[in-house]
Amino acid sequence: MGYMIALFGIAACVLLCGIGSCLGLYKTGTAAAGVLGEEPKKFGKVR
């Protein structure tokens, strides 16, 4: 029984961490694309 609870906890942790990471990357990517679209000079050249 304890083994099943531990596996459920691990699965929930991985799922929730993945969802949080996706949301964060979406928000920062959207903001960066908006700034780049309006003022491209704010980003430097990649070397």
Protein backbone atom coordinates (compact mmCIF):
# COMPACT_ATOMS: atom_id res chain seq x y z
CA MET A 1 0.00 0.00 0.00
CA GLY A 2 2.78 2.43 0.87
CA TYR A 3 4.51 1.65 -2.42
CA MET A 4 1.40 2.64 -4.37
CA ILE A 5 1.09 5.93 -2.49
CA ALA A 6 4.76 6.69 -3.18
CA LEU A 7 4.34 6.00 -6.90
CA PHE A 8 1.23 8.18 -7.01
CA GLY A 9 3.16 10.98 -5.29
CA ILE A 10 6.02 10.72 -7.76
CA ALA A 11 3.63 10.73 -10.72
CA ALA A 12 1.76 13.77 -9.37
CA CYS A 13 5.04 15.61 -8.78
CA VAL A 14 6.30 14.94 -12.31
CA LEU A 15 2.96 15.92 -13.85
CA LEU A 16 2.57 19.16 -11.90
CA CYS A 17 6.21 20.17 -12.43
CA GLY A 18 5.82 19.60 -16.16
CA ILE A 19 2.65 21.67 -16.32
CA GLY A 20 4.30 24.50 -14.39
CA SER A 21 7.32 24.44 -16.65
CA CYS A 22 5.15 24.56 -19.78
CA LEU A 23 3.18 27.52 -18.48
CA GLY A 24 6.30 29.44 -17.52
CA LEU A 25 7.99 28.86 -20.87
CA TYR A 26 4.83 29.85 -22.71
CA LYS A 27 4.53 33.14 -20.83
CA THR A 28 8.19 34.11 -21.18
CA GLY A 29 8.28 33.09 -24.83
CA THR A 30 5.19 35.13 -25.61
CA ALA A 31 6.61 38.17 -23.84
CA ALA A 32 9.96 37.84 -25.61
CA ALA A 33 8.26 37.50 -29.00
CA GLY A 34 6.18 40.61 -28.31
CA VAL A 35 9.21 42.69 -27.37
CA LEU A 36 11.18 41.39 -30.34
CA GLY A 37 8.32 42.22 -32.69
CA GLU A 38 8.01 45.78 -31.43
CA GLU A 39 11.68 46.64 -30.82
CA PRO A 40 14.13 44.21 -32.42
CA LYS A 41 17.13 46.29 -31.29
CA LYS A 42 16.53 45.25 -27.65
CA PHE A 43 18.01 41.83 -28.44
CA GLY A 44 21.69 41.52 -29.26
CA LYS A 45 23.24 39.40 -31.95
CA VAL A 46 24.03 35.80 -31.11
CA ARG A 47 27.70 35.00 -31.56
